[in-house]
Amino acid sequence: MKCGIIGLPNTGKSTFFNFISNSKALSDNFPFCTIEPNYGVTKVPDQRLYELKEIVQPMNSIPSEIKIVDIAGLIKGSHKGDGLGNKFLSHVRETNVIIHMIRFFHDMSVLHVEGSINPIRDKEIIDMELQLKDLETIESRLEKITKKNKINQSINTLQKVFSFLKRGKNIRMYPLKEEEKKHIKDLQLLTIKPVLYICNIDEKLNNKTHLHIKNLKKIVKMENSPLVVLSLKKNCISYEVDQILREAYKLLNLQSFFTIGKKEIRAWSVHNQCTAYEASSVIHTDFKKGFIKAEVIHYNDFIKYRSEEKVKKAGKIFLAGKNYFIQDGDIIRFRFNR
């Protein structure tokens, strides 16, 4: 599961990528200093892991991780190949969630490809390029289907989505039914991907009162997408970055379960609605092959009783079968045939 960082050139994408992944991707004052994508991994902040660590006192603790991709900057005309358009869009297609970096800092020494600072215009440029590429993708599919002269259930869905895009709307805002999702799933459309917006502001800007920020928040709210406002120039942005990573984790439809022991406690990432049987393979494929049962403690019960022994005495450990759906924060020990 990957999060892709996108935006116009010189918005702070690579700076943000370096900060969260402890990488050293080139971050310079010219368009397209990022050409090939930069790949990294970042730890997901989880207060529950710290609380478990205090109780268990393990030798080591390991948080969940998500993959991050820093993608080359997009410009007008990218959908038809301008700039690094085709490369950019193919890399966006490979991601599961988009982190869209929007510039609202006024450092005149850092070039802006549009010549001025306007976060709403810049958001619309990115939106339009992704929408135009999606329109091209859908149009190509419709042509193939109609050439076969067959009545196809997907035609109606494609036409409705096409019309929605033509109105300048992102597909993620369209109320797709489950059946309709099946008809467009293999197209890997760009504007259907969930987005987390980051507005990179000046250090001293009051983000609560500035009109551009207020309007941007209204627009993003209509998409039902999260927005985080931060200044990458500030020395201390840990709180905002933690918020971003938690939001990205949520948008990836991921949750965590824990394994605990004196040697190590660890958070493991699984998708929502994951069964105990599926979760066992995240630790090791042998667990899935020889799965017997899962011993489960709900997180709040462990925090309340503060030891496995006391949890057991309180009758709060239970055995779960293959079809048990993991709950976020479950503490699990798998029983399996070796």
C-alpha atoms as a PDB file:
ATOM      1  CA  MET A   1       0.000   0.000   0.000  1.00  0.00           C
ATOM      2  CA  LYS A   2       1.540   3.289  -1.127  1.00  0.00           C
ATOM      3  CA  CYS A   3       0.939   6.997  -0.534  1.00  0.00           C
ATOM      4  CA  GLY A   4       2.061   9.192  -3.429  1.00  0.00           C
ATOM      5  CA  ILE A   5       3.058  12.832  -2.805  1.00  0.00           C
ATOM      6  CA  ILE A   6       1.999  15.050  -5.715  1.00  0.00           C
ATOM      7  CA  GLY A   7       1.717  18.759  -6.525  1.00  0.00           C
ATOM      8  CA  LEU A   8       3.098  21.466  -8.768  1.00  0.00           C
ATOM      9  CA  PRO A   9       6.906  21.791  -8.838  1.00  0.00           C
ATOM     10  CA  ASN A  10       8.514  23.633  -5.897  1.00  0.00           C
ATOM     11  CA  THR A  11       5.676  23.120  -3.428  1.00  0.00           C
ATOM     12  CA  GLY A  12       7.788  21.358  -0.788  1.00  0.00           C
ATOM     13  CA  LYS A  13       7.019  17.762  -1.805  1.00  0.00           C
ATOM     14  CA  SER A  14      10.589  16.480  -1.578  1.00  0.00           C
ATOM     15  CA  THR A  15      11.269  18.412   1.648  1.00  0.00           C
ATOM     16  CA  PHE A  16       8.217  16.770   3.214  1.00  0.00           C
ATOM     17  CA  PHE A  17       9.227  13.354   1.849  1.00  0.00           C
ATOM     18  CA  ASN A  18      12.718  13.716   3.349  1.00  0.00           C
ATOM     19  CA  PHE A  19      11.274  14.760   6.699  1.00  0.00           C
ATOM     20  CA  ILE A  20       8.915  11.815   7.117  1.00  0.00           C
ATOM     21  CA  SER A  21      11.156   9.133   5.616  1.00  0.00           C
ATOM     22  CA  ASN A  22      14.555  10.322   6.877  1.00  0.00           C
ATOM     23  CA  SER A  23      15.712  10.252   3.254  1.00  0.00           C
ATOM     24  CA  LYS A  24      17.923  12.624   1.301  1.00  0.00           C
ATOM     25  CA  ALA A  25      15.985  13.142  -1.921  1.00  0.00           C
ATOM     26  CA  LEU A  26      17.168  16.102  -4.006  1.00  0.00           C
ATOM     27  CA  SER A  27      15.214  19.221  -3.017  1.00  0.00           C
ATOM     28  CA  ASP A  28      16.253  22.219  -5.096  1.00  0.00           C
ATOM     29  CA  ASN A  29      14.962  25.509  -6.469  1.00  0.00           C
ATOM     30  CA  PHE A  30      14.070  24.512 -10.003  1.00  0.00           C
ATOM     31  CA  PRO A  31      11.132  22.696 -11.605  1.00  0.00           C
ATOM     32  CA  PHE A  32      11.470  18.916 -11.955  1.00  0.00           C
ATOM     33  CA  CYS A  33      14.414  18.519  -9.580  1.00  0.00           C
ATOM     34  CA  THR A  34      12.509  15.289  -8.855  1.00  0.00           C
ATOM     35  CA  ILE A  35      12.420  13.248 -12.067  1.00  0.00           C
ATOM     36  CA  GLU A  36      12.357   9.597 -11.057  1.00  0.00           C
ATOM     37  CA  PRO A  37      10.172   8.963  -7.998  1.00  0.00           C
ATOM     38  CA  ASN A  38      11.792   8.698  -4.579  1.00  0.00           C
ATOM     39  CA  TYR A  39      10.657   5.747  -2.489  1.00  0.00           C
ATOM     40  CA  GLY A  40      10.680   5.600   1.289  1.00  0.00           C
ATOM     41  CA  VAL A  41       9.035   4.074   4.332  1.00  0.00           C
ATOM     42  CA  THR A  42       7.701   5.959   7.332  1.00  0.00           C
ATOM     43  CA  LYS A  43       6.580   4.834  10.764  1.00  0.00           C
ATOM     44  CA  VAL A  44       2.954   5.401  11.766  1.00  0.00           C
ATOM     45  CA  PRO A  45       2.669   7.189  15.139  1.00  0.00           C
ATOM     46  CA  ASP A  46       0.449   5.252  17.530  1.00  0.00           C
ATOM     47  CA  GLN A  47       0.040   6.282  21.151  1.00  0.00           C
ATOM     48  CA  ARG A  48      -1.205   2.792  22.006  1.00  0.00           C
ATOM     49  CA  LEU A  49       2.225   1.340  21.238  1.00  0.00           C
ATOM     50  CA  TYR A  50       3.820   3.676  23.779  1.00  0.00           C
ATOM     51  CA  GLU A  51       1.222   2.752  26.389  1.00  0.00           C
ATOM     52  CA  LEU A  52       1.814  -0.961  25.816  1.00  0.00           C
ATOM     53  CA  LYS A  53       5.555  -0.386  26.032  1.00  0.00           C
ATOM     54  CA  GLU A  54       5.178   1.208  29.476  1.00  0.00           C
ATOM     55  CA  ILE A  55       3.276  -1.816  30.766  1.00  0.00           C
ATOM     56  CA  VAL A  56       5.213  -4.664  29.116  1.00  0.00           C
ATOM     57  CA  GLN A  57       8.706  -3.089  29.260  1.00  0.00           C
ATOM     58  CA  PRO A  58       9.982  -4.985  26.179  1.00  0.00           C
ATOM     59  CA  MET A  59      13.508  -4.871  24.792  1.00  0.00           C
ATOM     60  CA  ASN A  60      12.177  -3.411  21.540  1.00  0.00           C
ATOM     61  CA  SER A  61       9.015  -1.881  20.056  1.00  0.00           C
ATOM     62  CA  ILE A  62       8.208  -1.685  16.357  1.00  0.00           C
ATOM     63  CA  PRO A  63       5.439   0.553  14.923  1.00  0.00           C
ATOM     64  CA  SER A  64       3.432  -0.001  11.746  1.00  0.00           C
ATOM     65  CA  GLU A  65       4.868   1.392   8.518  1.00  0.00           C
ATOM     66  CA  ILE A  66       3.536   2.794   5.259  1.00  0.00           C
ATOM     67  CA  LYS A  67       5.299   3.280   1.927  1.00  0.00           C
ATOM     68  CA  ILE A  68       5.732   6.831   0.619  1.00  0.00           C
ATOM     69  CA  VAL A  69       6.506   7.890  -2.962  1.00  0.00           C
ATOM     70  CA  ASP A  70       7.708  11.383  -3.904  1.00  0.00           C
ATOM     71  CA  ILE A  71       6.472  11.930  -7.485  1.00  0.00           C
ATOM     72  CA  ALA A  72       7.725  14.471 -10.034  1.00  0.00           C
ATOM     73  CA  GLY A  73       5.883  17.809 -10.195  1.00  0.00           C
ATOM     74  CA  LEU A  74       2.857  18.219 -12.446  1.00  0.00           C
ATOM     75  CA  ILE A  75       2.225  21.177 -14.765  1.00  0.00           C
ATOM     76  CA  LYS A  76      -0.527  22.248 -17.143  1.00  0.00           C
ATOM     77  CA  GLY A  77      -0.643  19.863 -20.076  1.00  0.00           C
ATOM     78  CA  SER A  78       0.721  16.880 -18.167  1.00  0.00           C
ATOM     79  CA  HIS A  79      -2.252  14.756 -19.244  1.00  0.00           C
ATOM     80  CA  LYS A  80      -0.992  15.007 -22.834  1.00  0.00           C
ATOM     81  CA  GLY A  81       2.657  14.494 -21.935  1.00  0.00           C
ATOM     82  CA  ASP A  82       3.915  18.031 -21.268  1.00  0.00           C
ATOM     83  CA  GLY A  83       6.733  18.348 -18.735  1.00  0.00           C
ATOM     84  CA  LEU A  84       7.107  14.918 -17.192  1.00  0.00           C
ATOM     85  CA  GLY A  85       3.393  14.293 -17.576  1.00  0.00           C
ATOM     86  CA  ASN A  86       3.240  10.704 -18.768  1.00  0.00           C
ATOM     87  CA  LYS A  87       5.784   9.538 -16.204  1.00  0.00           C
ATOM     88  CA  PHE A  88       4.060  11.514 -13.457  1.00  0.00           C
ATOM     89  CA  LEU A  89       0.636  10.076 -14.180  1.00  0.00           C
ATOM     90  CA  SER A  90       1.864   6.490 -14.441  1.00  0.00           C
ATOM     91  CA  HIS A  91       3.468   6.833 -11.011  1.00  0.00           C
ATOM     92  CA  VAL A  92       0.270   8.327  -9.550  1.00  0.00           C
ATOM     93  CA  ARG A  93      -1.641   5.358 -10.964  1.00  0.00           C
ATOM     94  CA  GLU A  94       0.493   2.971  -8.883  1.00  0.00           C
ATOM     95  CA  THR A  95      -0.457   4.614  -5.568  1.00  0.00           C
ATOM     96  CA  ASN A  96      -3.410   3.870  -3.289  1.00  0.00           C
ATOM     97  CA  VAL A  97      -3.696   7.278  -1.632  1.00  0.00           C
ATOM     98  CA  ILE A  98      -2.614  10.715  -2.828  1.00  0.00           C
ATOM     99  CA  ILE A  99      -0.989  13.319  -0.586  1.00  0.00           C
ATOM    100  CA  HIS A 100      -1.497  16.566  -2.507  1.00  0.00           C
ATOM    101  CA  MET A 101       0.965  19.296  -1.504  1.00  0.00           C
ATOM    102  CA  ILE A 102      -0.269  22.845  -2.148  1.00  0.00           C
ATOM    103  CA  ARG A 103       2.057  25.847  -1.915  1.00  0.00           C
ATOM    104  CA  PHE A 104       1.138  28.915   0.105  1.00  0.00           C
ATOM    105  CA  PHE A 105       4.539  30.220   1.145  1.00  0.00           C
ATOM    106  CA  HIS A 106       5.830  33.422  -0.447  1.00  0.00           C
ATOM    107  CA  ASP A 107       9.592  32.853  -0.659  1.00  0.00           C
ATOM    108  CA  MET A 108      10.468  34.773  -3.843  1.00  0.00           C
ATOM    109  CA  SER A 109      13.776  32.902  -4.132  1.00  0.00           C
ATOM    110  CA  VAL A 110      11.803  29.716  -4.805  1.00  0.00           C
ATOM    111  CA  LEU A 111      10.360  29.745  -8.328  1.00  0.00           C
ATOM    112  CA  HIS A 112       6.650  29.181  -8.912  1.00  0.00           C
ATOM    113  CA  VAL A 113       5.796  27.674 -12.311  1.00  0.00           C
ATOM    114  CA  GLU A 114       2.649  29.826 -12.546  1.00  0.00           C
ATOM    115  CA  GLY A 115       4.475  33.020 -11.537  1.00  0.00           C
ATOM    116  CA  SER A 116       2.341  33.794  -8.474  1.00  0.00           C
ATOM    117  CA  ILE A 117       1.056  32.262  -5.243  1.00  0.00           C
ATOM    118  CA  ASN A 118      -2.550  31.079  -5.411  1.00  0.00           C
ATOM    119  CA  PRO A 119      -3.334  27.777  -3.630  1.00  0.00           C
ATOM    120  CA  ILE A 120      -6.878  27.386  -4.994  1.00  0.00           C
ATOM    121  CA  ARG A 121      -5.747  27.899  -8.599  1.00  0.00           C
ATOM    122  CA  ASP A 122      -2.889  25.438  -8.063  1.00  0.00           C
ATOM    123  CA  LYS A 123      -5.256  22.806  -6.662  1.00  0.00           C
ATOM    124  CA  GLU A 124      -7.525  23.270  -9.665  1.00  0.00           C
ATOM    125  CA  ILE A 125      -4.594  22.791 -12.074  1.00  0.00           C
ATOM    126  CA  ILE A 126      -3.756  19.413 -10.537  1.00  0.00           C
ATOM    127  CA  ASP A 127      -7.426  18.418 -10.415  1.00  0.00           C
ATOM    128  CA  MET A 128      -7.939  19.331 -14.063  1.00  0.00           C
ATOM    129  CA  GLU A 129      -4.895  17.384 -15.262  1.00  0.00           C
ATOM    130  CA  LEU A 130      -5.993  14.251 -13.425  1.00  0.00           C
ATOM    131  CA  GLN A 131      -9.576  14.684 -14.631  1.00  0.00           C
ATOM    132  CA  LEU A 132      -8.478  15.102 -18.252  1.00  0.00           C
ATOM    133  CA  LYS A 133      -6.403  11.933 -18.042  1.00  0.00           C
ATOM    134  CA  ASP A 134      -9.370  10.044 -16.582  1.00  0.00           C
ATOM    135  CA  LEU A 135     -11.624  11.360 -19.353  1.00  0.00           C
ATOM    136  CA  GLU A 136      -9.120  10.089 -21.908  1.00  0.00           C
ATOM    137  CA  THR A 137      -8.987   6.672 -20.206  1.00  0.00           C
ATOM    138  CA  ILE A 138     -12.780   6.321 -20.058  1.00  0.00           C
ATOM    139  CA  GLU A 139     -13.255   7.535 -23.618  1.00  0.00           C
ATOM    140  CA  SER A 140     -10.780   4.917 -24.835  1.00  0.00           C
ATOM    141  CA  ARG A 141     -12.632   2.164 -22.966  1.00  0.00           C
ATOM    142  CA  LEU A 142     -16.021   3.293 -24.321  1.00  0.00           C
ATOM    143  CA  GLU A 143     -14.664   3.189 -27.873  1.00  0.00           C
ATOM    144  CA  LYS A 144     -13.455  -0.393 -27.414  1.00  0.00           C
ATOM    145  CA  ILE A 145     -16.773  -1.536 -25.955  1.00  0.00           C
ATOM    146  CA  THR A 146     -18.958   0.121 -28.607  1.00  0.00           C
ATOM    147  CA  LYS A 147     -16.819  -1.304 -31.430  1.00  0.00           C
ATOM    148  CA  LYS A 148     -17.778  -4.792 -30.285  1.00  0.00           C
ATOM    149  CA  ASN A 149     -21.469  -3.863 -30.757  1.00  0.00           C
ATOM    150  CA  LYS A 150     -22.400  -5.598 -27.537  1.00  0.00           C
ATOM    151  CA  ILE A 151     -24.784  -4.440 -24.857  1.00  0.00           C
ATOM    152  CA  ASN A 152     -22.518  -4.011 -21.868  1.00  0.00           C
ATOM    153  CA  GLN A 153     -23.602  -3.109 -18.344  1.00  0.00           C
ATOM    154  CA  SER A 154     -20.461  -1.051 -17.840  1.00  0.00           C
ATOM    155  CA  ILE A 155     -21.369   1.425 -20.613  1.00  0.00           C
ATOM    156  CA  ASN A 156     -23.976   3.142 -18.461  1.00  0.00           C
ATOM    157  CA  THR A 157     -21.554   3.496 -15.536  1.00  0.00           C
ATOM    158  CA  LEU A 158     -18.768   4.784 -17.772  1.00  0.00           C
ATOM    159  CA  GLN A 159     -21.044   7.350 -19.376  1.00  0.00           C
ATOM    160  CA  LYS A 160     -22.284   8.623 -16.001  1.00  0.00           C
ATOM    161  CA  VAL A 161     -18.749   8.940 -14.637  1.00  0.00           C
ATOM    162  CA  PHE A 162     -17.593  10.574 -17.874  1.00  0.00           C
ATOM    163  CA  SER A 163     -20.355  13.219 -17.600  1.00  0.00           C
ATOM    164  CA  PHE A 164     -19.450  13.833 -13.952  1.00  0.00           C
ATOM    165  CA  LEU A 165     -15.789  14.403 -14.856  1.00  0.00           C
ATOM    166  CA  LYS A 166     -16.781  16.776 -17.684  1.00  0.00           C
ATOM    167  CA  ARG A 167     -18.340  19.007 -15.025  1.00  0.00           C
ATOM    168  CA  GLY A 168     -14.916  19.369 -13.387  1.00  0.00           C
ATOM    169  CA  LYS A 169     -15.660  16.949 -10.554  1.00  0.00           C
ATOM    170  CA  ASN A 170     -13.372  14.270  -9.146  1.00  0.00           C
ATOM    171  CA  ILE A 171     -14.763  10.722  -9.293  1.00  0.00           C
ATOM    172  CA  ARG A 172     -14.233  10.207  -5.545  1.00  0.00           C
ATOM    173  CA  MET A 173     -17.119  12.694  -5.069  1.00  0.00           C
ATOM    174  CA  TYR A 174     -19.474  10.563  -7.194  1.00  0.00           C
ATOM    175  CA  PRO A 175     -21.807   8.236  -5.190  1.00  0.00           C
ATOM    176  CA  LEU A 176     -20.790   5.001  -6.916  1.00  0.00           C
ATOM    177  CA  LYS A 177     -22.745   1.867  -6.045  1.00  0.00           C
ATOM    178  CA  GLU A 178     -20.820  -1.335  -5.336  1.00  0.00           C
ATOM    179  CA  GLU A 179     -21.906  -2.827  -8.661  1.00  0.00           C
ATOM    180  CA  GLU A 180     -20.771   0.290 -10.520  1.00  0.00           C
ATOM    181  CA  LYS A 181     -17.344   0.194  -8.855  1.00  0.00           C
ATOM    182  CA  LYS A 182     -16.724  -3.208 -10.428  1.00  0.00           C
ATOM    183  CA  HIS A 183     -17.156  -1.766 -13.920  1.00  0.00           C
ATOM    184  CA  ILE A 184     -14.375   0.807 -13.524  1.00  0.00           C
ATOM    185  CA  LYS A 185     -12.025  -0.899 -11.063  1.00  0.00           C
ATOM    186  CA  ASP A 186      -9.517  -2.132 -13.655  1.00  0.00           C
ATOM    187  CA  LEU A 187      -9.190   1.347 -15.223  1.00  0.00           C
ATOM    188  CA  GLN A 188      -7.124   2.566 -12.238  1.00  0.00           C
ATOM    189  CA  LEU A 189      -8.676   6.014 -12.505  1.00  0.00           C
ATOM    190  CA  LEU A 190      -6.732   8.815 -10.870  1.00  0.00           C
ATOM    191  CA  THR A 191      -9.484  11.009  -9.420  1.00  0.00           C
ATOM    192  CA  ILE A 192     -11.150   8.100  -7.629  1.00  0.00           C
ATOM    193  CA  LYS A 193      -8.194   7.803  -5.263  1.00  0.00           C
ATOM    194  CA  PRO A 194      -8.649   9.249  -1.761  1.00  0.00           C
ATOM    195  CA  VAL A 195      -6.686  12.468  -1.193  1.00  0.00           C
ATOM    196  CA  LEU A 196      -5.107  14.101   1.823  1.00  0.00           C
ATOM    197  CA  TYR A 197      -4.319  17.780   1.195  1.00  0.00           C
ATOM    198  CA  ILE A 198      -1.371  19.602   2.763  1.00  0.00           C
ATOM    199  CA  CYS A 199      -1.110  23.389   2.540  1.00  0.00           C
ATOM    200  CA  ASN A 200       2.522  24.480   3.005  1.00  0.00           C
ATOM    201  CA  ILE A 201       2.342  27.999   4.427  1.00  0.00           C
ATOM    202  CA  ASP A 202       4.695  30.774   5.605  1.00  0.00           C
ATOM    203  CA  GLU A 203       5.948  30.454   9.170  1.00  0.00           C
ATOM    204  CA  LYS A 204       4.029  33.498  10.459  1.00  0.00           C
ATOM    205  CA  LEU A 205       0.824  33.146   8.436  1.00  0.00           C
ATOM    206  CA  ASN A 206      -2.374  32.957  10.470  1.00  0.00           C
ATOM    207  CA  ASN A 207      -3.996  29.963   8.799  1.00  0.00           C
ATOM    208  CA  LYS A 208      -7.251  30.423  10.730  1.00  0.00           C
ATOM    209  CA  THR A 209      -8.075  33.868   9.384  1.00  0.00           C
ATOM    210  CA  HIS A 210      -6.513  34.033   5.909  1.00  0.00           C
ATOM    211  CA  LEU A 211      -9.179  34.112   3.188  1.00  0.00           C
ATOM    212  CA  HIS A 212      -7.351  31.722   0.820  1.00  0.00           C
ATOM    213  CA  ILE A 213      -7.030  29.130   3.582  1.00  0.00           C
ATOM    214  CA  LYS A 214     -10.674  29.539   4.601  1.00  0.00           C
ATOM    215  CA  ASN A 215     -11.827  29.052   0.996  1.00  0.00           C
ATOM    216  CA  LEU A 216      -9.504  26.080   0.493  1.00  0.00           C
ATOM    217  CA  LYS A 217     -10.938  24.428   3.598  1.00  0.00           C
ATOM    218  CA  LYS A 218     -14.479  24.864   2.251  1.00  0.00           C
ATOM    219  CA  ILE A 219     -13.542  23.328  -1.117  1.00  0.00           C
ATOM    220  CA  VAL A 220     -11.768  20.365   0.475  1.00  0.00           C
ATOM    221  CA  LYS A 221     -14.665  19.798   2.886  1.00  0.00           C
ATOM    222  CA  MET A 222     -17.012  19.399  -0.108  1.00  0.00           C
ATOM    223  CA  GLU A 223     -14.791  16.508  -1.240  1.00  0.00           C
ATOM    224  CA  ASN A 224     -14.904  15.013   2.248  1.00  0.00           C
ATOM    225  CA  SER A 225     -11.086  15.003   2.215  1.00  0.00           C
ATOM    226  CA  PRO A 226      -8.793  15.925   5.126  1.00  0.00           C
ATOM    227  CA  LEU A 227      -6.636  19.076   4.993  1.00  0.00           C
ATOM    228  CA  VAL A 228      -3.563  19.749   7.126  1.00  0.00           C
ATOM    229  CA  VAL A 229      -2.009  23.224   7.214  1.00  0.00           C
ATOM    230  CA  LEU A 230       1.670  23.398   8.160  1.00  0.00           C
ATOM    231  CA  SER A 231       4.917  25.256   7.528  1.00  0.00           C
ATOM    232  CA  LEU A 232       7.811  23.050   6.470  1.00  0.00           C
ATOM    233  CA  LYS A 233      10.156  25.898   7.435  1.00  0.00           C
ATOM    234  CA  LYS A 234       9.253  25.573  11.102  1.00  0.00           C
ATOM    235  CA  ASN A 235      11.680  23.620  13.240  1.00  0.00           C
ATOM    236  CA  CYS A 236       8.909  21.814  15.070  1.00  0.00           C
ATOM    237  CA  ILE A 237       6.149  20.327  12.891  1.00  0.00           C
ATOM    238  CA  SER A 238       5.992  16.895  14.506  1.00  0.00           C
ATOM    239  CA  TYR A 239       2.351  17.241  15.606  1.00  0.00           C
ATOM    240  CA  GLU A 240       1.152  18.144  12.087  1.00  0.00           C
ATOM    241  CA  VAL A 241       3.204  15.340  10.500  1.00  0.00           C
ATOM    242  CA  ASP A 242       1.858  12.792  12.987  1.00  0.00           C
ATOM    243  CA  GLN A 243      -1.638  13.952  12.055  1.00  0.00           C
ATOM    244  CA  ILE A 244      -0.858  13.548   8.348  1.00  0.00           C
ATOM    245  CA  LEU A 245       0.490  10.026   8.791  1.00  0.00           C
ATOM    246  CA  ARG A 246      -2.506   8.957  10.875  1.00  0.00           C
ATOM    247  CA  GLU A 247      -4.885  10.397   8.255  1.00  0.00           C
ATOM    248  CA  ALA A 248      -2.971   8.651   5.442  1.00  0.00           C
ATOM    249  CA  TYR A 249      -3.142   5.359   7.348  1.00  0.00           C
ATOM    250  CA  LYS A 250      -6.896   5.784   7.723  1.00  0.00           C
ATOM    251  CA  LEU A 251      -7.351   6.631   4.021  1.00  0.00           C
ATOM    252  CA  LEU A 252      -5.426   3.468   3.114  1.00  0.00           C
ATOM    253  CA  ASN A 253      -8.169   1.573   4.993  1.00  0.00           C
ATOM    254  CA  LEU A 254      -5.580   0.125   7.340  1.00  0.00           C
ATOM    255  CA  GLN A 255      -5.776  -0.744  11.011  1.00  0.00           C
ATOM    256  CA  SER A 256      -3.281  -2.200  13.480  1.00  0.00           C
ATOM    257  CA  PHE A 257      -3.162  -5.208  15.734  1.00  0.00           C
ATOM    258  CA  PHE A 258      -0.405  -5.889  18.263  1.00  0.00           C
ATOM    259  CA  THR A 259       1.780  -8.780  19.334  1.00  0.00           C
ATOM    260  CA  ILE A 260       3.403  -8.430  22.745  1.00  0.00           C
ATOM    261  CA  GLY A 261       6.249 -10.084  24.634  1.00  0.00           C
ATOM    262  CA  LYS A 262       9.261  -9.237  26.766  1.00  0.00           C
ATOM    263  CA  LYS A 263      11.514  -9.410  23.722  1.00  0.00           C
ATOM    264  CA  GLU A 264       9.353  -7.248  21.452  1.00  0.00           C
ATOM    265  CA  ILE A 265       6.007  -5.552  21.040  1.00  0.00           C
ATOM    266  CA  ARG A 266       4.945  -4.777  17.509  1.00  0.00           C
ATOM    267  CA  ALA A 267       2.135  -3.134  15.559  1.00  0.00           C
ATOM    268  CA  TRP A 268       1.083  -4.956  12.385  1.00  0.00           C
ATOM    269  CA  SER A 269      -0.861  -3.353   9.530  1.00  0.00           C
ATOM    270  CA  VAL A 270      -3.899  -5.100   8.093  1.00  0.00           C
ATOM    271  CA  HIS A 271      -6.803  -3.860   6.004  1.00  0.00           C
ATOM    272  CA  ASN A 272     -10.160  -3.128   7.577  1.00  0.00           C
ATOM    273  CA  GLN A 273     -12.450  -6.156   7.684  1.00  0.00           C
ATOM    274  CA  CYS A 274      -9.416  -8.439   7.883  1.00  0.00           C
ATOM    275  CA  THR A 275     -10.004 -11.909   9.354  1.00  0.00           C
ATOM    276  CA  ALA A 276      -7.767 -13.565  11.929  1.00  0.00           C
ATOM    277  CA  TYR A 277      -6.818 -16.131   9.275  1.00  0.00           C
ATOM    278  CA  GLU A 278      -5.668 -13.388   6.867  1.00  0.00           C
ATOM    279  CA  ALA A 279      -3.917 -11.456   9.629  1.00  0.00           C
ATOM    280  CA  SER A 280      -1.850 -14.476  10.653  1.00  0.00           C
ATOM    281  CA  SER A 281      -0.027 -14.476   7.301  1.00  0.00           C
ATOM    282  CA  VAL A 282       1.126 -10.890   7.884  1.00  0.00           C
ATOM    283  CA  ILE A 283       3.413 -12.252  10.624  1.00  0.00           C
ATOM    284  CA  HIS A 284       4.493 -15.413   8.776  1.00  0.00           C
ATOM    285  CA  THR A 285       3.032 -17.592   6.027  1.00  0.00           C
ATOM    286  CA  ASP A 286       3.482 -20.641   8.302  1.00  0.00           C
ATOM    287  CA  PHE A 287       0.951 -19.129  10.708  1.00  0.00           C
ATOM    288  CA  LYS A 288      -1.682 -19.159   7.987  1.00  0.00           C
ATOM    289  CA  LYS A 289      -0.818 -22.655   6.772  1.00  0.00           C
ATOM    290  CA  GLY A 290      -1.092 -24.164  10.234  1.00  0.00           C
ATOM    291  CA  PHE A 291      -3.712 -21.802  11.709  1.00  0.00           C
ATOM    292  CA  ILE A 292      -5.606 -23.285  14.670  1.00  0.00           C
ATOM    293  CA  LYS A 293      -6.965 -20.355  16.710  1.00  0.00           C
ATOM    294  CA  ALA A 294      -6.155 -16.800  17.704  1.00  0.00           C
ATOM    295  CA  GLU A 295      -5.943 -15.766  21.362  1.00  0.00           C
ATOM    296  CA  VAL A 296      -7.372 -12.244  21.452  1.00  0.00           C
ATOM    297  CA  ILE A 297      -7.321  -9.479  24.057  1.00  0.00           C
ATOM    298  CA  HIS A 298      -9.068  -6.205  23.275  1.00  0.00           C
ATOM    299  CA  TYR A 299      -6.699  -3.275  23.746  1.00  0.00           C
ATOM    300  CA  ASN A 300      -8.827  -1.474  26.373  1.00  0.00           C
ATOM    301  CA  ASP A 301      -9.014  -4.640  28.479  1.00  0.00           C
ATOM    302  CA  PHE A 302      -5.231  -4.985  28.517  1.00  0.00           C
ATOM    303  CA  ILE A 303      -4.793  -1.334  29.481  1.00  0.00           C
ATOM    304  CA  LYS A 304      -7.337  -1.780  32.269  1.00  0.00           C
ATOM    305  CA  TYR A 305      -5.818  -4.937  33.830  1.00  0.00           C
ATOM    306  CA  ARG A 306      -2.194  -4.211  32.811  1.00  0.00           C
ATOM    307  CA  SER A 307      -1.009  -7.832  32.429  1.00  0.00           C
ATOM    308  CA  GLU A 308      -1.973 -10.968  30.514  1.00  0.00           C
ATOM    309  CA  GLU A 309      -2.362 -12.884  33.773  1.00  0.00           C
ATOM    310  CA  LYS A 310      -4.883 -10.417  35.204  1.00  0.00           C
ATOM    311  CA  VAL A 311      -6.726 -10.207  31.875  1.00  0.00           C
ATOM    312  CA  LYS A 312      -7.016 -13.989  31.885  1.00  0.00           C
ATOM    313  CA  LYS A 313      -8.327 -14.052  35.475  1.00  0.00           C
ATOM    314  CA  ALA A 314     -10.947 -11.482  34.492  1.00  0.00           C
ATOM    315  CA  GLY A 315     -12.058 -13.749  31.645  1.00  0.00           C
ATOM    316  CA  LYS A 316     -11.168 -11.180  28.998  1.00  0.00           C
ATOM    317  CA  ILE A 317      -9.013 -13.417  26.771  1.00  0.00           C
ATOM    318  CA  PHE A 318     -11.003 -15.307  24.161  1.00  0.00           C
ATOM    319  CA  LEU A 319     -10.251 -17.763  21.382  1.00  0.00           C
ATOM    320  CA  ALA A 320     -11.215 -16.710  17.864  1.00  0.00           C
ATOM    321  CA  GLY A 321     -11.497 -18.784  14.698  1.00  0.00           C
ATOM    322  CA  LYS A 322     -10.499 -18.104  11.104  1.00  0.00           C
ATOM    323  CA  ASN A 323     -13.473 -15.850  10.368  1.00  0.00           C
ATOM    324  CA  TYR A 324     -13.064 -13.499  13.326  1.00  0.00           C
ATOM    325  CA  PHE A 325     -12.735  -9.904  12.088  1.00  0.00           C
ATOM    326  CA  ILE A 326      -9.740  -8.148  13.623  1.00  0.00           C
ATOM    327  CA  GLN A 327     -10.652  -5.057  15.639  1.00  0.00           C
ATOM    328  CA  ASP A 328      -8.292  -2.104  15.597  1.00  0.00           C
ATOM    329  CA  GLY A 329      -5.912  -2.443  18.553  1.00  0.00           C
ATOM    330  CA  ASP A 330      -6.483  -6.150  19.227  1.00  0.00           C
ATOM    331  CA  ILE A 331      -3.603  -7.913  20.968  1.00  0.00           C
ATOM    332  CA  ILE A 332      -3.226 -11.345  19.376  1.00  0.00           C
ATOM    333  CA  ARG A 333      -1.258 -14.535  19.842  1.00  0.00           C
ATOM    334  CA  PHE A 334      -1.743 -17.085  17.073  1.00  0.00           C
ATOM    335  CA  ARG A 335      -1.917 -20.810  17.715  1.00  0.00           C
ATOM    336  CA  PHE A 336      -0.722 -22.877  14.761  1.00  0.00           C
ATOM    337  CA  ASN A 337       0.611 -26.294  13.809  1.00  0.00           C
ATOM    338  CA  ARG A 338       4.340 -26.157  13.207  1.00  0.00           C
END
